[in-house]
C-alpha cells in the first residue's frame, strides 16, 4: 500500500497502528495522519529507537497492510 493510499485511509489504518504501537497516544496518530516521517520520529522519541529502526518499523508496518 503506497503512502497516498495510507494517508487517504488513515482512519481505518489508525486502529492497526495503535494496536502495534500502543504506547503512542491518540493525539500522535491524529497528527500523523499517514505521515510516515512524523510517525517514525514519534517512535524514536517514545521507544528510544535509532532513526533507522523507527523508519524500518514504519516501512514494515506499511508492507503488512498489503497482505
PDB file of N, CA and C in Angstrom:
ATOM      1  N   UNK A   1       0.870  -1.170   0.000  1.00  0.00           N
ATOM      2  CA  UNK A   1       0.000   0.000   0.000  1.00  0.00           C
ATOM      3  C   UNK A   1       0.910   1.224   0.000  1.00  0.00           C
ATOM      4  N   UNK A   2       0.685   2.122  -0.949  1.00  0.00           N
ATOM      5  CA  UNK A   2       1.571   3.287  -1.012  1.00  0.00           C
ATOM      6  C   UNK A   2       1.137   4.373  -0.025  1.00  0.00           C
ATOM      7  N   UNK A   3       2.002   5.348   0.136  1.00  0.00           N
ATOM      8  CA  UNK A   3       1.793   6.373   1.162  1.00  0.00           C
ATOM      9  C   UNK A   3       0.536   7.201   0.932  1.00  0.00           C
ATOM     10  N   UNK A   4       0.176   7.455  -0.333  1.00  0.00           N
ATOM     11  CA  UNK A   4      -1.037   8.227  -0.616  1.00  0.00           C
ATOM     12  C   UNK A   4      -2.283   7.461  -0.187  1.00  0.00           C
ATOM     13  N   UNK A   5      -2.272   6.165  -0.426  1.00  0.00           N
ATOM     14  CA  UNK A   5      -3.417   5.333  -0.026  1.00  0.00           C
ATOM     15  C   UNK A   5      -3.504   5.273   1.496  1.00  0.00           C
ATOM     16  N   UNK A   6      -2.364   5.123   2.155  1.00  0.00           N
ATOM     17  CA  UNK A   6      -2.363   5.086   3.620  1.00  0.00           C
ATOM     18  C   UNK A   6      -2.908   6.386   4.182  1.00  0.00           C
ATOM     19  N   UNK A   7      -2.474   7.511   3.645  1.00  0.00           N
ATOM     20  CA  UNK A   7      -2.968   8.804   4.121  1.00  0.00           C
ATOM     21  C   UNK A   7      -4.472   8.926   3.885  1.00  0.00           C
ATOM     22  N   UNK A   8      -4.955   8.440   2.739  1.00  0.00           N
ATOM     23  CA  UNK A   8      -6.376   8.519   2.422  1.00  0.00           C
ATOM     24  C   UNK A   8      -7.237   7.626   3.286  1.00  0.00           C
ATOM     25  N   UNK A   9      -6.682   6.510   3.715  1.00  0.00           N
ATOM     26  CA  UNK A   9      -7.433   5.549   4.531  1.00  0.00           C
ATOM     27  C   UNK A   9      -6.948   5.543   5.975  1.00  0.00           C
ATOM     28  N   UNK A  10      -6.395   6.655   6.423  1.00  0.00           N
ATOM     29  CA  UNK A  10      -5.757   6.699   7.725  1.00  0.00           C
ATOM     30  C   UNK A  10      -6.695   6.296   8.849  1.00  0.00           C
ATOM     31  N   UNK A  11      -7.962   6.671   8.779  1.00  0.00           N
ATOM     32  CA  UNK A  11      -8.862   6.328   9.886  1.00  0.00           C
ATOM     33  C   UNK A  11      -8.986   4.815  10.051  1.00  0.00           C
ATOM     34  N   UNK A  12      -8.973   4.061   8.933  1.00  0.00           N
ATOM     35  CA  UNK A  12      -9.036   2.605   9.032  1.00  0.00           C
ATOM     36  C   UNK A  12      -7.700   2.027   9.496  1.00  0.00           C
ATOM     37  N   UNK A  13      -6.601   2.595   9.008  1.00  0.00           N
ATOM     38  CA  UNK A  13      -5.262   2.098   9.313  1.00  0.00           C
ATOM     39  C   UNK A  13      -4.858   2.470  10.745  1.00  0.00           C
ATOM     40  N   UNK A  14      -5.380   3.559  11.238  1.00  0.00           N
ATOM     41  CA  UNK A  14      -5.013   4.068  12.559  1.00  0.00           C
ATOM     42  C   UNK A  14      -5.197   3.018  13.655  1.00  0.00           C
ATOM     43  N   UNK A  15      -6.264   2.266  13.599  1.00  0.00           N
ATOM     44  CA  UNK A  15      -6.518   1.235  14.611  1.00  0.00           C
ATOM     45  C   UNK A  15      -5.438   0.170  14.628  1.00  0.00           C
ATOM     46  N   UNK A  16      -4.979  -0.222  13.454  1.00  0.00           N
ATOM     47  CA  UNK A  16      -3.907  -1.214  13.368  1.00  0.00           C
ATOM     48  C   UNK A  16      -2.607  -0.643  13.909  1.00  0.00           C
ATOM     49  N   UNK A  17      -2.344   0.615  13.625  1.00  0.00           N
ATOM     50  CA  UNK A  17      -1.124   1.262  14.117  1.00  0.00           C
ATOM     51  C   UNK A  17      -1.178   1.386  15.644  1.00  0.00           C
ATOM     52  N   UNK A  18      -2.343   1.712  16.176  1.00  0.00           N
ATOM     53  CA  UNK A  18      -2.487   1.824  17.627  1.00  0.00           C
ATOM     54  C   UNK A  18      -2.281   0.471  18.296  1.00  0.00           C
ATOM     55  N   UNK A  19      -2.741  -0.597  17.655  1.00  0.00           N
ATOM     56  CA  UNK A  19      -2.545  -1.939  18.220  1.00  0.00           C
ATOM     57  C   UNK A  19      -1.061  -2.304  18.234  1.00  0.00           C
ATOM     58  N   UNK A  20      -0.339  -1.894  17.206  1.00  0.00           N
ATOM     59  CA  UNK A  20       1.087  -2.220  17.110  1.00  0.00           C
ATOM     60  C   UNK A  20       1.927  -1.386  18.066  1.00  0.00           C
ATOM     61  N   UNK A  21       1.655  -0.097  18.153  1.00  0.00           N
ATOM     62  CA  UNK A  21       2.434   0.813  18.983  1.00  0.00           C
ATOM     63  C   UNK A  21       1.530   1.452  20.034  1.00  0.00           C
ATOM     64  N   UNK A  22       1.075   0.654  20.961  1.00  0.00           N
ATOM     65  CA  UNK A  22       0.103   1.089  21.961  1.00  0.00           C
ATOM     66  C   UNK A  22       0.572   2.172  22.911  1.00  0.00           C
ATOM     67  N   UNK A  23       1.877   2.386  23.000  1.00  0.00           N
ATOM     68  CA  UNK A  23       2.373   3.420  23.904  1.00  0.00           C
ATOM     69  C   UNK A  23       2.214   4.828  23.330  1.00  0.00           C
ATOM     70  N   UNK A  24       1.896   4.930  22.049  1.00  0.00           N
ATOM     71  CA  UNK A  24       1.675   6.244  21.450  1.00  0.00           C
ATOM     72  C   UNK A  24       0.228   6.666  21.695  1.00  0.00           C
ATOM     73  N   UNK A  25       0.013   7.941  21.880  1.00  0.00           N
ATOM     74  CA  UNK A  25      -1.326   8.445  22.198  1.00  0.00           C
ATOM     75  C   UNK A  25      -2.170   8.642  20.940  1.00  0.00           C
ATOM     76  N   UNK A  26      -3.469   8.777  21.145  1.00  0.00           N
ATOM     77  CA  UNK A  26      -4.379   9.083  20.042  1.00  0.00           C
ATOM     78  C   UNK A  26      -3.961  10.363  19.335  1.00  0.00           C
ATOM     79  N   UNK A  27      -3.511  11.342  20.102  1.00  0.00           N
ATOM     80  CA  UNK A  27      -3.092  12.614  19.521  1.00  0.00           C
ATOM     81  C   UNK A  27      -1.965  12.433  18.513  1.00  0.00           C
ATOM     82  N   UNK A  28      -1.012  11.565  18.829  1.00  0.00           N
ATOM     83  CA  UNK A  28       0.099  11.305  17.910  1.00  0.00           C
ATOM     84  C   UNK A  28      -0.444  10.749  16.599  1.00  0.00           C
ATOM     85  N   UNK A  29      -1.354   9.786  16.694  1.00  0.00           N
ATOM     86  CA  UNK A  29      -1.909   9.190  15.484  1.00  0.00           C
ATOM     87  C   UNK A  29      -2.773  10.180  14.708  1.00  0.00           C
ATOM     88  N   UNK A  30      -3.487  11.038  15.417  1.00  0.00           N
ATOM     89  CA  UNK A  30      -4.302  12.047  14.738  1.00  0.00           C
ATOM     90  C   UNK A  30      -3.424  13.029  13.970  1.00  0.00           C
ATOM     91  N   UNK A  31      -2.323  13.445  14.562  1.00  0.00           N
ATOM     92  CA  UNK A  31      -1.418  14.385  13.894  1.00  0.00           C
ATOM     93  C   UNK A  31      -0.672  13.684  12.759  1.00  0.00           C
ATOM     94  N   UNK A  32      -0.281  12.436  12.976  1.00  0.00           N
ATOM     95  CA  UNK A  32       0.474  11.696  11.959  1.00  0.00           C
ATOM     96  C   UNK A  32      -0.323  11.588  10.668  1.00  0.00           C
ATOM     97  N   UNK A  33      -1.573  11.215  10.768  1.00  0.00           N
ATOM     98  CA  UNK A  33      -2.473  11.108   9.614  1.00  0.00           C
ATOM     99  C   UNK A  33      -1.789  10.547   8.369  1.00  0.00           C
ATOM    100  N   UNK A  34      -1.030   9.488   8.552  1.00  0.00           N
ATOM    101  CA  UNK A  34      -0.380   8.840   7.417  1.00  0.00           C
ATOM    102  C   UNK A  34       1.016   9.340   7.091  1.00  0.00           C
ATOM    103  N   UNK A  35       1.518  10.295   7.855  1.00  0.00           N
ATOM    104  CA  UNK A  35       2.855  10.852   7.625  1.00  0.00           C
ATOM    105  C   UNK A  35       3.891   9.929   8.263  1.00  0.00           C
ATOM    106  N   UNK A  36       4.567   9.129   7.441  1.00  0.00           N
ATOM    107  CA  UNK A  36       5.492   8.119   7.957  1.00  0.00           C
ATOM    108  C   UNK A  36       6.692   8.737   8.663  1.00  0.00           C
ATOM    109  N   UNK A  37       7.172   9.878   8.201  1.00  0.00           N
ATOM    110  CA  UNK A  37       8.322  10.531   8.841  1.00  0.00           C
ATOM    111  C   UNK A  37       7.958  11.010  10.249  1.00  0.00           C
ATOM    112  N   UNK A  38       6.781  11.592  10.379  1.00  0.00           N
ATOM    113  CA  UNK A  38       6.321  12.054  11.693  1.00  0.00           C
ATOM    114  C   UNK A  38       6.161  10.866  12.640  1.00  0.00           C
ATOM    115  N   UNK A  39       5.537   9.807  12.146  1.00  0.00           N
ATOM    116  CA  UNK A  39       5.318   8.624  12.964  1.00  0.00           C
ATOM    117  C   UNK A  39       6.649   8.008  13.392  1.00  0.00           C
ATOM    118  N   UNK A  40       7.592   7.912  12.477  1.00  0.00           N
ATOM    119  CA  UNK A  40       8.915   7.374  12.816  1.00  0.00           C
ATOM    120  C   UNK A  40       9.583   8.243  13.889  1.00  0.00           C
ATOM    121  N   UNK A  41       9.442   9.540  13.779  1.00  0.00           N
ATOM    122  CA  UNK A  41      10.009  10.437  14.783  1.00  0.00           C
ATOM    123  C   UNK A  41       9.407  10.216  16.160  1.00  0.00           C
ATOM    124  N   UNK A  42       8.112  10.014  16.204  1.00  0.00           N
ATOM    125  CA  UNK A  42       7.446   9.769  17.477  1.00  0.00           C
ATOM    126  C   UNK A  42       7.833   8.405  18.049  1.00  0.00           C
ATOM    127  N   UNK A  43       8.048   7.416  17.188  1.00  0.00           N
ATOM    128  CA  UNK A  43       8.516   6.108  17.663  1.00  0.00           C
ATOM    129  C   UNK A  43       9.910   6.233  18.270  1.00  0.00           C
ATOM    130  N   UNK A  44      10.762   7.009  17.623  1.00  0.00           N
ATOM    131  CA  UNK A  44      12.107   7.265  18.166  1.00  0.00           C
ATOM    132  C   UNK A  44      12.006   7.881  19.559  1.00  0.00           C
ATOM    133  N   UNK A  45      11.165   8.878  19.659  1.00  0.00           N
ATOM    134  CA  UNK A  45      11.014   9.623  20.903  1.00  0.00           C
ATOM    135  C   UNK A  45      10.461   8.740  22.025  1.00  0.00           C
ATOM    136  N   UNK A  46       9.415   7.985  21.726  1.00  0.00           N
ATOM    137  CA  UNK A  46       8.730   7.204  22.757  1.00  0.00           C
ATOM    138  C   UNK A  46       9.492   5.946  23.159  1.00  0.00           C
ATOM    139  N   UNK A  47      10.049   5.242  22.157  1.00  0.00           N
ATOM    140  CA  UNK A  47      10.688   3.957  22.430  1.00  0.00           C
ATOM    141  C   UNK A  47      12.209   4.048  22.526  1.00  0.00           C
ATOM    142  N   UNK A  48      12.778   5.192  22.230  1.00  0.00           N
ATOM    143  CA  UNK A  48      14.215   5.362  22.307  1.00  0.00           C
ATOM    144  C   UNK A  48      14.983   4.634  21.208  1.00  0.00           C
ATOM    145  N   UNK A  49      14.322   4.411  20.087  1.00  0.00           N
ATOM    146  CA  UNK A  49      14.937   3.697  18.970  1.00  0.00           C
ATOM    147  C   UNK A  49      15.815   4.636  18.152  1.00  0.00           C
ATOM    148  N   UNK A  50      16.784   4.040  17.456  1.00  0.00           N
ATOM    149  CA  UNK A  50      17.571   4.766  16.457  1.00  0.00           C
ATOM    150  C   UNK A  50      16.640   5.132  15.301  1.00  0.00           C
ATOM    151  N   UNK A  51      17.009   6.175  14.555  1.00  0.00           N
ATOM    152  CA  UNK A  51      16.181   6.617  13.426  1.00  0.00           C
ATOM    153  C   UNK A  51      15.948   5.494  12.425  1.00  0.00           C
ATOM    154  N   UNK A  52      17.011   4.742  12.111  1.00  0.00           N
ATOM    155  CA  UNK A  52      16.889   3.652  11.137  1.00  0.00           C
ATOM    156  C   UNK A  52      15.873   2.605  11.584  1.00  0.00           C
ATOM    157  N   UNK A  53      15.902   2.263  12.866  1.00  0.00           N
ATOM    158  CA  UNK A  53      14.954   1.258  13.349  1.00  0.00           C
ATOM    159  C   UNK A  53      13.523   1.780  13.274  1.00  0.00           C
ATOM    160  N   UNK A  54      13.318   3.014  13.680  1.00  0.00           N
ATOM    161  CA  UNK A  54      11.969   3.586  13.649  1.00  0.00           C
ATOM    162  C   UNK A  54      11.432   3.619  12.217  1.00  0.00           C
ATOM    163  N   UNK A  55      12.270   4.045  11.270  1.00  0.00           N
ATOM    164  CA  UNK A  55      11.836   4.081   9.871  1.00  0.00           C
ATOM    165  C   UNK A  55      11.578   2.674   9.341  1.00  0.00           C
ATOM    166  N   UNK A  56      12.400   1.716   9.737  1.00  0.00           N
ATOM    167  CA  UNK A  56      12.204   0.325   9.313  1.00  0.00           C
ATOM    168  C   UNK A  56      10.887  -0.233   9.869  1.00  0.00           C
ATOM    169  N   UNK A  57      10.590   0.076  11.127  1.00  0.00           N
ATOM    170  CA  UNK A  57       9.331  -0.370  11.739  1.00  0.00           C
ATOM    171  C   UNK A  57       8.125   0.172  10.959  1.00  0.00           C
ATOM    172  N   UNK A  58       8.193   1.446  10.589  1.00  0.00           N
ATOM    173  CA  UNK A  58       7.088   2.054   9.847  1.00  0.00           C
ATOM    174  C   UNK A  58       6.959   1.413   8.463  1.00  0.00           C
ATOM    175  N   UNK A  59       8.085   1.194   7.786  1.00  0.00           N
ATOM    176  CA  UNK A  59       8.046   0.561   6.461  1.00  0.00           C
ATOM    177  C   UNK A  59       7.484  -0.856   6.539  1.00  0.00           C
ATOM    178  N   UNK A  60       7.896  -1.613   7.558  1.00  0.00           N
ATOM    179  CA  UNK A  60       7.368  -2.967   7.729  1.00  0.00           C
ATOM    180  C   UNK A  60       5.877  -2.940   8.006  1.00  0.00           C
ATOM    181  N   UNK A  61       5.438  -1.953   8.781  1.00  0.00           N
ATOM    182  CA  UNK A  61       4.005  -1.795   9.043  1.00  0.00           C
ATOM    183  C   UNK A  61       3.256  -1.503   7.744  1.00  0.00           C
ATOM    184  N   UNK A  62       3.796  -0.601   6.933  1.00  0.00           N
ATOM    185  CA  UNK A  62       3.163  -0.275   5.641  1.00  0.00           C
ATOM    186  C   UNK A  62       3.066  -1.529   4.772  1.00  0.00           C
ATOM    187  N   UNK A  63       4.132  -2.325   4.724  1.00  0.00           N
ATOM    188  CA  UNK A  63       4.107  -3.560   3.935  1.00  0.00           C
ATOM    189  C   UNK A  63       3.089  -4.544   4.468  1.00  0.00           C
ATOM    190  N   UNK A  64       2.915  -4.612   5.779  1.00  0.00           N
ATOM    191  CA  UNK A  64       1.963  -5.550   6.369  1.00  0.00           C
ATOM    192  C   UNK A  64       0.522  -5.214   5.990  1.00  0.00           C
ATOM    193  N   UNK A  65       0.274  -3.968   5.606  1.00  0.00           N
ATOM    194  CA  UNK A  65      -1.076  -3.569   5.207  1.00  0.00           C
ATOM    195  C   UNK A  65      -1.458  -4.148   3.845  1.00  0.00           C
ATOM    196  N   UNK A  66      -0.452  -4.507   3.048  1.00  0.00           N
ATOM    197  CA  UNK A  66      -0.718  -5.086   1.730  1.00  0.00           C
ATOM    198  C   UNK A  66      -1.211  -6.515   1.830  1.00  0.00           C
ATOM    199  N   UNK A  67      -0.830  -7.201   2.891  1.00  0.00           N
ATOM    200  CA  UNK A  67      -1.216  -8.615   2.995  1.00  0.00           C
ATOM    201  C   UNK A  67      -2.509  -8.832   3.709  1.00  0.00           C
TER     202      UNK A  67
END
